[in-house]
Structure formats: C-alpha cells, structure tokens
PDB file of N, CA and C in Angstrom:
ATOM      1  N   MET A   1      -1.733 -13.197   9.266  1.00  0.00           N
ATOM      2  CA  MET A   1      -2.731 -11.997  10.044  1.00  0.00           C
ATOM      3  C   MET A   1      -3.328 -11.330   8.473  1.00  0.00           C
ATOM      4  N   MET A   2      -4.558 -10.987   8.395  1.00  0.00           N
ATOM      5  CA  MET A   2      -5.970 -10.707   7.772  1.00  0.00           C
ATOM      6  C   MET A   2      -4.799  -8.866   7.777  1.00  0.00           C
ATOM      7  N   ASN A   3      -5.239  -8.115   6.738  1.00  0.00           N
ATOM      8  CA  ASN A   3      -5.237  -6.699   7.192  1.00  0.00           C
ATOM      9  C   ASN A   3      -6.743  -6.056   5.991  1.00  0.00           C
ATOM     10  N   ALA A   4      -7.503  -5.262   7.630  1.00  0.00           N
ATOM     11  CA  ALA A   4      -8.151  -5.058   7.895  1.00  0.00           C
ATOM     12  C   ALA A   4      -7.877  -3.510   7.276  1.00  0.00           C
ATOM     13  N   GLN A   5      -7.165  -2.354   6.572  1.00  0.00           N
ATOM     14  CA  GLN A   5      -7.342  -1.484   6.142  1.00  0.00           C
ATOM     15  C   GLN A   5      -6.892  -0.908   5.154  1.00  0.00           C
ATOM     16  N   GLU A   6      -7.876  -0.443   3.947  1.00  0.00           N
ATOM     17  CA  GLU A   6      -8.662  -0.688   3.283  1.00  0.00           C
ATOM     18  C   GLU A   6      -7.493   0.677   2.428  1.00  0.00           C
ATOM     19  N   PRO A   7      -7.285   0.241   1.108  1.00  0.00           N
ATOM     20  CA  PRO A   7      -6.192   0.869   0.330  1.00  0.00           C
ATOM     21  C   PRO A   7      -7.050   2.295  -0.009  1.00  0.00           C
ATOM     22  N   ILE A   8      -6.554   3.642   0.503  1.00  0.00           N
ATOM     23  CA  ILE A   8      -6.722   4.721   0.415  1.00  0.00           C
ATOM     24  C   ILE A   8      -6.039   5.754  -0.779  1.00  0.00           C
ATOM     25  N   VAL A   9      -6.159   5.952  -2.000  1.00  0.00           N
ATOM     26  CA  VAL A   9      -5.756   7.049  -3.021  1.00  0.00           C
ATOM     27  C   VAL A   9      -4.962   7.649  -1.935  1.00  0.00           C
ATOM     28  N   GLY A  10      -3.590   8.157  -2.285  1.00  0.00           N
ATOM     29  CA  GLY A  10      -3.389   9.577  -1.305  1.00  0.00           C
ATOM     30  C   GLY A  10      -2.201   8.761   0.156  1.00  0.00           C
ATOM     31  N   ASN A  11      -2.539   7.766   0.424  1.00  0.00           N
ATOM     32  CA  ASN A  11      -2.758   7.035   1.896  1.00  0.00           C
ATOM     33  C   ASN A  11      -0.831   7.092   1.628  1.00  0.00           C
ATOM     34  N   TRP A  12      -0.535   6.427   3.120  1.00  0.00           N
ATOM     35  CA  TRP A  12       0.527   6.293   3.523  1.00  0.00           C
ATOM     36  C   TRP A  12       0.539   4.725   3.997  1.00  0.00           C
ATOM     37  N   TYR A  13       1.510   3.647   4.189  1.00  0.00           N
ATOM     38  CA  TYR A  13       1.620   2.651   4.527  1.00  0.00           C
ATOM     39  C   TYR A  13       2.761   2.206   5.009  1.00  0.00           C
ATOM     40  N   ARG A  14       3.079   1.017   6.078  1.00  0.00           N
ATOM     41  CA  ARG A  14       4.141   1.033   6.550  1.00  0.00           C
ATOM     42  C   ARG A  14       3.866  -0.495   6.357  1.00  0.00           C
ATOM     43  N   GLN A  15       4.933  -1.502   5.703  1.00  0.00           N
ATOM     44  CA  GLN A  15       4.713  -2.553   5.934  1.00  0.00           C
ATOM     45  C   GLN A  15       5.491  -4.292   7.279  1.00  0.00           C
ATOM     46  N   HIS A  16       4.442  -4.137   7.726  1.00  0.00           N
ATOM     47  CA  HIS A  16       4.999  -4.936   9.528  1.00  0.00           C
ATOM     48  C   HIS A  16       6.892  -4.820   9.089  1.00  0.00           C
ATOM     49  N   ASP A  17       6.797  -6.264   8.343  1.00  0.00           N
ATOM     50  CA  ASP A  17       7.978  -6.942   8.169  1.00  0.00           C
ATOM     51  C   ASP A  17       8.819  -6.827   7.926  1.00  0.00           C
ATOM     52  N   ASP A  18       8.961  -5.540   7.215  1.00  0.00           N
ATOM     53  CA  ASP A  18      10.260  -5.355   5.613  1.00  0.00           C
ATOM     54  C   ASP A  18      10.232  -2.923   6.460  1.00  0.00           C
ATOM     55  N   SER A  19       9.457  -2.628   7.435  1.00  0.00           N
ATOM     56  CA  SER A  19       9.363  -1.680   7.811  1.00  0.00           C
ATOM     57  C   SER A  19       8.912  -0.076   5.873  1.00  0.00           C
ATOM     58  N   ARG A  20       9.127  -1.484   4.854  1.00  0.00           N
ATOM     59  CA  ARG A  20       9.418  -0.862   4.078  1.00  0.00           C
ATOM     60  C   ARG A  20       7.594   0.115   3.971  1.00  0.00           C
ATOM     61  N   GLN A  21       7.724   1.555   3.335  1.00  0.00           N
ATOM     62  CA  GLN A  21       7.190   2.411   3.340  1.00  0.00           C
ATOM     63  C   GLN A  21       6.421   2.681   1.315  1.00  0.00           C
ATOM     64  N   PHE A  22       5.238   3.158   1.608  1.00  0.00           N
ATOM     65  CA  PHE A  22       4.152   3.381   0.170  1.00  0.00           C
ATOM     66  C   PHE A  22       3.273   3.914   0.497  1.00  0.00           C
ATOM     67  N   GLN A  23       2.788   4.686  -0.533  1.00  0.00           N
ATOM     68  CA  GLN A  23       1.924   5.334  -0.800  1.00  0.00           C
ATOM     69  C   GLN A  23       0.555   4.646  -1.885  1.00  0.00           C
ATOM     70  N   VAL A  24      -0.819   4.648  -1.538  1.00  0.00           N
ATOM     71  CA  VAL A  24      -0.935   4.172  -2.511  1.00  0.00           C
ATOM     72  C   VAL A  24      -1.548   4.941  -3.714  1.00  0.00           C
ATOM     73  N   VAL A  25      -1.719   5.523  -4.689  1.00  0.00           N
ATOM     74  CA  VAL A  25      -1.786   5.767  -5.633  1.00  0.00           C
ATOM     75  C   VAL A  25      -3.202   5.311  -6.833  1.00  0.00           C
ATOM     76  N   VAL A  26      -3.890   4.030  -7.207  1.00  0.00           N
ATOM     77  CA  VAL A  26      -4.585   3.915  -7.771  1.00  0.00           C
ATOM     78  C   VAL A  26      -5.278   2.750  -6.967  1.00  0.00           C
ATOM     79  N   VAL A  27      -6.801   2.458  -7.336  1.00  0.00           N
ATOM     80  CA  VAL A  27      -7.263   1.506  -6.288  1.00  0.00           C
ATOM     81  C   VAL A  27      -8.558   1.432  -7.735  1.00  0.00           C
ATOM     82  N   ASP A  28      -8.200   0.413  -8.448  1.00  0.00           N
ATOM     83  CA  ASP A  28      -8.858   0.038  -9.022  1.00  0.00           C
ATOM     84  C   ASP A  28      -9.651  -0.958  -9.092  1.00  0.00           C
ATOM     85  N   LYS A  29     -10.986  -1.462  -8.437  1.00  0.00           N
ATOM     86  CA  LYS A  29     -12.189  -1.832  -8.519  1.00  0.00           C
ATOM     87  C   LYS A  29     -12.543  -3.346  -9.367  1.00  0.00           C
ATOM     88  N   SER A  30     -12.632  -2.773 -10.335  1.00  0.00           N
ATOM     89  CA  SER A  30     -12.798  -2.999 -11.398  1.00  0.00           C
ATOM     90  C   SER A  30     -12.274  -3.857 -12.715  1.00  0.00           C
ATOM     91  N   LYS A  31     -10.705  -3.648 -11.728  1.00  0.00           N
ATOM     92  CA  LYS A  31      -9.447  -4.555 -12.479  1.00  0.00           C
ATOM     93  C   LYS A  31      -9.222  -5.813 -11.401  1.00  0.00           C
ATOM     94  N   ASN A  32      -9.574  -5.493  -9.958  1.00  0.00           N
ATOM     95  CA  ASN A  32      -9.061  -5.503  -8.700  1.00  0.00           C
ATOM     96  C   ASN A  32      -7.646  -5.822  -8.536  1.00  0.00           C
ATOM     97  N   SER A  33      -7.331  -4.399  -8.595  1.00  0.00           N
ATOM     98  CA  SER A  33      -5.926  -4.160  -8.697  1.00  0.00           C
ATOM     99  C   SER A  33      -5.566  -2.412  -7.900  1.00  0.00           C
ATOM    100  N   ILE A  34      -4.148  -2.466  -7.199  1.00  0.00           N
ATOM    101  CA  ILE A  34      -3.851  -1.432  -6.253  1.00  0.00           C
ATOM    102  C   ILE A  34      -2.632  -0.870  -6.822  1.00  0.00           C
ATOM    103  N   ARG A  35      -2.841   0.195  -7.284  1.00  0.00           N
ATOM    104  CA  ARG A  35      -0.904   0.381  -7.257  1.00  0.00           C
ATOM    105  C   ARG A  35      -0.475   1.371  -6.712  1.00  0.00           C
ATOM    106  N   ILE A  36       0.430   0.279  -6.062  1.00  0.00           N
ATOM    107  CA  ILE A  36       1.679   1.661  -4.780  1.00  0.00           C
ATOM    108  C   ILE A  36       3.171   2.272  -5.309  1.00  0.00           C
ATOM    109  N   GLN A  37       2.740   3.811  -5.020  1.00  0.00           N
ATOM    110  CA  GLN A  37       4.316   3.994  -5.068  1.00  0.00           C
ATOM    111  C   GLN A  37       5.208   3.840  -3.783  1.00  0.00           C
ATOM    112  N   TYR A  38       6.528   3.825  -3.848  1.00  0.00           N
ATOM    113  CA  TYR A  38       7.766   3.372  -3.199  1.00  0.00           C
ATOM    114  C   TYR A  38       8.155   4.966  -2.956  1.00  0.00           C
ATOM    115  N   PRO A  39       8.875   5.572  -1.981  1.00  0.00           N
ATOM    116  CA  PRO A  39       9.453   6.671  -1.624  1.00  0.00           C
ATOM    117  C   PRO A  39      10.803   6.730  -2.880  1.00  0.00           C
ATOM    118  N   ASP A  40      11.471   5.218  -3.690  1.00  0.00           N
ATOM    119  CA  ASP A  40      11.908   6.308  -4.427  1.00  0.00           C
ATOM    120  C   ASP A  40      11.339   5.942  -5.800  1.00  0.00           C
ATOM    121  N   ASP A  41      10.278   6.031  -5.756  1.00  0.00           N
ATOM    122  CA  ASP A  41       9.402   6.473  -7.521  1.00  0.00           C
ATOM    123  C   ASP A  41       8.992   4.491  -7.285  1.00  0.00           C
ATOM    124  N   GLY A  42       9.843   3.473  -7.844  1.00  0.00           N
ATOM    125  CA  GLY A  42       9.806   2.055  -7.786  1.00  0.00           C
ATOM    126  C   GLY A  42       7.805   2.283  -7.792  1.00  0.00           C
ATOM    127  N   THR A  43       6.959   1.464  -8.727  1.00  0.00           N
ATOM    128  CA  THR A  43       5.687   0.727  -8.738  1.00  0.00           C
ATOM    129  C   THR A  43       5.681  -0.234  -8.514  1.00  0.00           C
ATOM    130  N   GLU A  44       4.570  -0.626  -8.293  1.00  0.00           N
ATOM    131  CA  GLU A  44       4.007  -2.544  -8.000  1.00  0.00           C
ATOM    132  C   GLU A  44       2.614  -2.052  -8.098  1.00  0.00           C
ATOM    133  N   GLU A  45       1.902  -3.366  -8.812  1.00  0.00           N
ATOM    134  CA  GLU A  45       0.852  -3.430  -9.223  1.00  0.00           C
ATOM    135  C   GLU A  45       0.364  -4.596  -7.593  1.00  0.00           C
ATOM    136  N   LEU A  46      -0.380  -4.870  -7.033  1.00  0.00           N
ATOM    137  CA  LEU A  46      -1.218  -5.402  -5.832  1.00  0.00           C
ATOM    138  C   LEU A  46      -2.418  -6.125  -6.000  1.00  0.00           C
ATOM    139  N   THR A  47      -3.314  -7.313  -6.115  1.00  0.00           N
ATOM    140  CA  THR A  47      -4.376  -7.329  -5.693  1.00  0.00           C
ATOM    141  C   THR A  47      -4.940  -7.104  -5.093  1.00  0.00           C
ATOM    142  N   PHE A  48      -6.109  -6.984  -4.785  1.00  0.00           N
ATOM    143  CA  PHE A  48      -6.574  -6.703  -2.988  1.00  0.00           C
ATOM    144  C   PHE A  48      -6.793  -8.498  -2.736  1.00  0.00           C
ATOM    145  N   GLU A  49      -6.319  -9.242  -2.440  1.00  0.00           N
ATOM    146  CA  GLU A  49      -6.096 -10.753  -2.081  1.00  0.00           C
ATOM    147  C   GLU A  49      -4.713 -10.099  -1.846  1.00  0.00           C
ATOM    148  N   SER A  50      -4.157 -10.193  -2.528  1.00  0.00           N
ATOM    149  CA  SER A  50      -2.299  -9.470  -1.850  1.00  0.00           C
ATOM    150  C   SER A  50      -2.709  -8.437  -1.052  1.00  0.00           C
ATOM    151  N   TRP A  51      -3.263  -7.648  -1.282  1.00  0.00           N
ATOM    152  CA  TRP A  51      -3.141  -6.046  -0.024  1.00  0.00           C
ATOM    153  C   TRP A  51      -3.221  -6.920   1.355  1.00  0.00           C
ATOM    154  N   ARG A  52      -4.541  -7.692   1.570  1.00  0.00           N
ATOM    155  CA  ARG A  52      -5.531  -8.016   2.770  1.00  0.00           C
ATOM    156  C   ARG A  52      -4.051  -8.930   3.521  1.00  0.00           C
ATOM    157  N   GLN A  53      -3.633 -10.027   1.949  1.00  0.00           N
ATOM    158  CA  GLN A  53      -2.592  -9.969   3.166  1.00  0.00           C
ATOM    159  C   GLN A  53      -0.890  -9.260   4.247  1.00  0.00           C
ATOM    160  N   LEU A  54      -1.162  -7.956   3.738  1.00  0.00           N
ATOM    161  CA  LEU A  54      -0.283  -7.488   4.552  1.00  0.00           C
ATOM    162  C   LEU A  54      -0.107  -6.739   5.342  1.00  0.00           C
ATOM    163  N   GLU A  55       0.895  -7.282   6.433  1.00  0.00           N
ATOM    164  CA  GLU A  55       0.312  -6.386   8.125  1.00  0.00           C
ATOM    165  C   GLU A  55       1.098  -5.044   7.398  1.00  0.00           C
ATOM    166  N   LEU A  56      -0.090  -4.044   7.684  1.00  0.00           N
ATOM    167  CA  LEU A  56       0.224  -2.695   7.514  1.00  0.00           C
ATOM    168  C   LEU A  56       0.059  -1.823   8.945  1.00  0.00           C
ATOM    169  N   HIS A  57       0.565  -1.337   8.498  1.00  0.00           N
ATOM    170  CA  HIS A  57       0.174   0.239   9.202  1.00  0.00           C
ATOM    171  C   HIS A  57       0.382   1.668   8.898  1.00  0.00           C
ATOM    172  N   PRO A  58      -0.144   2.563   9.573  1.00  0.00           N
ATOM    173  CA  PRO A  58      -1.052   3.559   8.892  1.00  0.00           C
ATOM    174  C   PRO A  58       1.064   4.150   9.487  1.00  0.00           C
ATOM    175  N   ALA A  59       1.271   4.980   7.708  1.00  0.00           N
ATOM    176  CA  ALA A  59       2.103   6.227   8.090  1.00  0.00           C
ATOM    177  C   ALA A  59       2.151   6.859   7.845  1.00  0.00           C
ATOM    178  N   ASP A  60       3.780   8.068   7.971  1.00  0.00           N
ATOM    179  CA  ASP A  60       3.524   9.382   7.927  1.00  0.00           C
ATOM    180  C   ASP A  60       3.854   9.114   6.526  1.00  0.00           C
ATOM    181  N   ALA A  61       3.899  10.665   5.467  1.00  0.00           N
ATOM    182  CA  ALA A  61       5.041  10.334   4.514  1.00  0.00           C
ATOM    183  C   ALA A  61       5.989  11.283   4.543  1.00  0.00           C
ATOM    184  N   PRO A  62       7.200  10.172   3.411  1.00  0.00           N
ATOM    185  CA  PRO A  62       8.390  10.307   3.872  1.00  0.00           C
ATOM    186  C   PRO A  62       9.160  11.721   4.028  1.00  0.00           C
ATOM    187  N   GLU A  63       9.829  12.243   4.268  1.00  0.00           N
ATOM    188  CA  GLU A  63      10.855  13.752   5.062  1.00  0.00           C
ATOM    189  C   GLU A  63      11.515  13.471   3.024  1.00  0.00           C
ATOM    190  N   GLU A  64      11.097  15.163   2.396  1.00  0.00           N
ATOM    191  CA  GLU A  64      11.892  14.481   0.587  1.00  0.00           C
ATOM    192  C   GLU A  64      13.683  15.237   0.926  1.00  0.00           C
TER     193      GLU A  64
END
C-alpha cells in the first residue's frame, strides 16, 4: 500500500503495523530525507521512498 500522507513537520503519525507513534521533525527535500522522532527521543531518518511505503494514520501527541 502506498502512503498518501505528506510528511509535515510537527505532525504526529502512527504506524498501522506496529502502532508506533512518531513526530516528523525535519523534511529536507534537497537531501531526500525525513527525520522522525519517537516519544522515547529516538530518531530515525527515512527517504521519501521509504516514507511512501509506510501505512500511516494521523495521531495525537502522546501524553507526557
């Protein structure tokens, strides 16, 4: 399934397959990268291609 959600800095998303939530913190089209941050402060860098492969749903920010 192709993901049609655009990565928007500040927005939270939930991965359908494992329910992990994350926030988009950087979108850099010139470097073809999207940096995401998990509630535990772990980060990951994705390409736009890998982003489109995720099955995502909008999510609310986790409670602190």
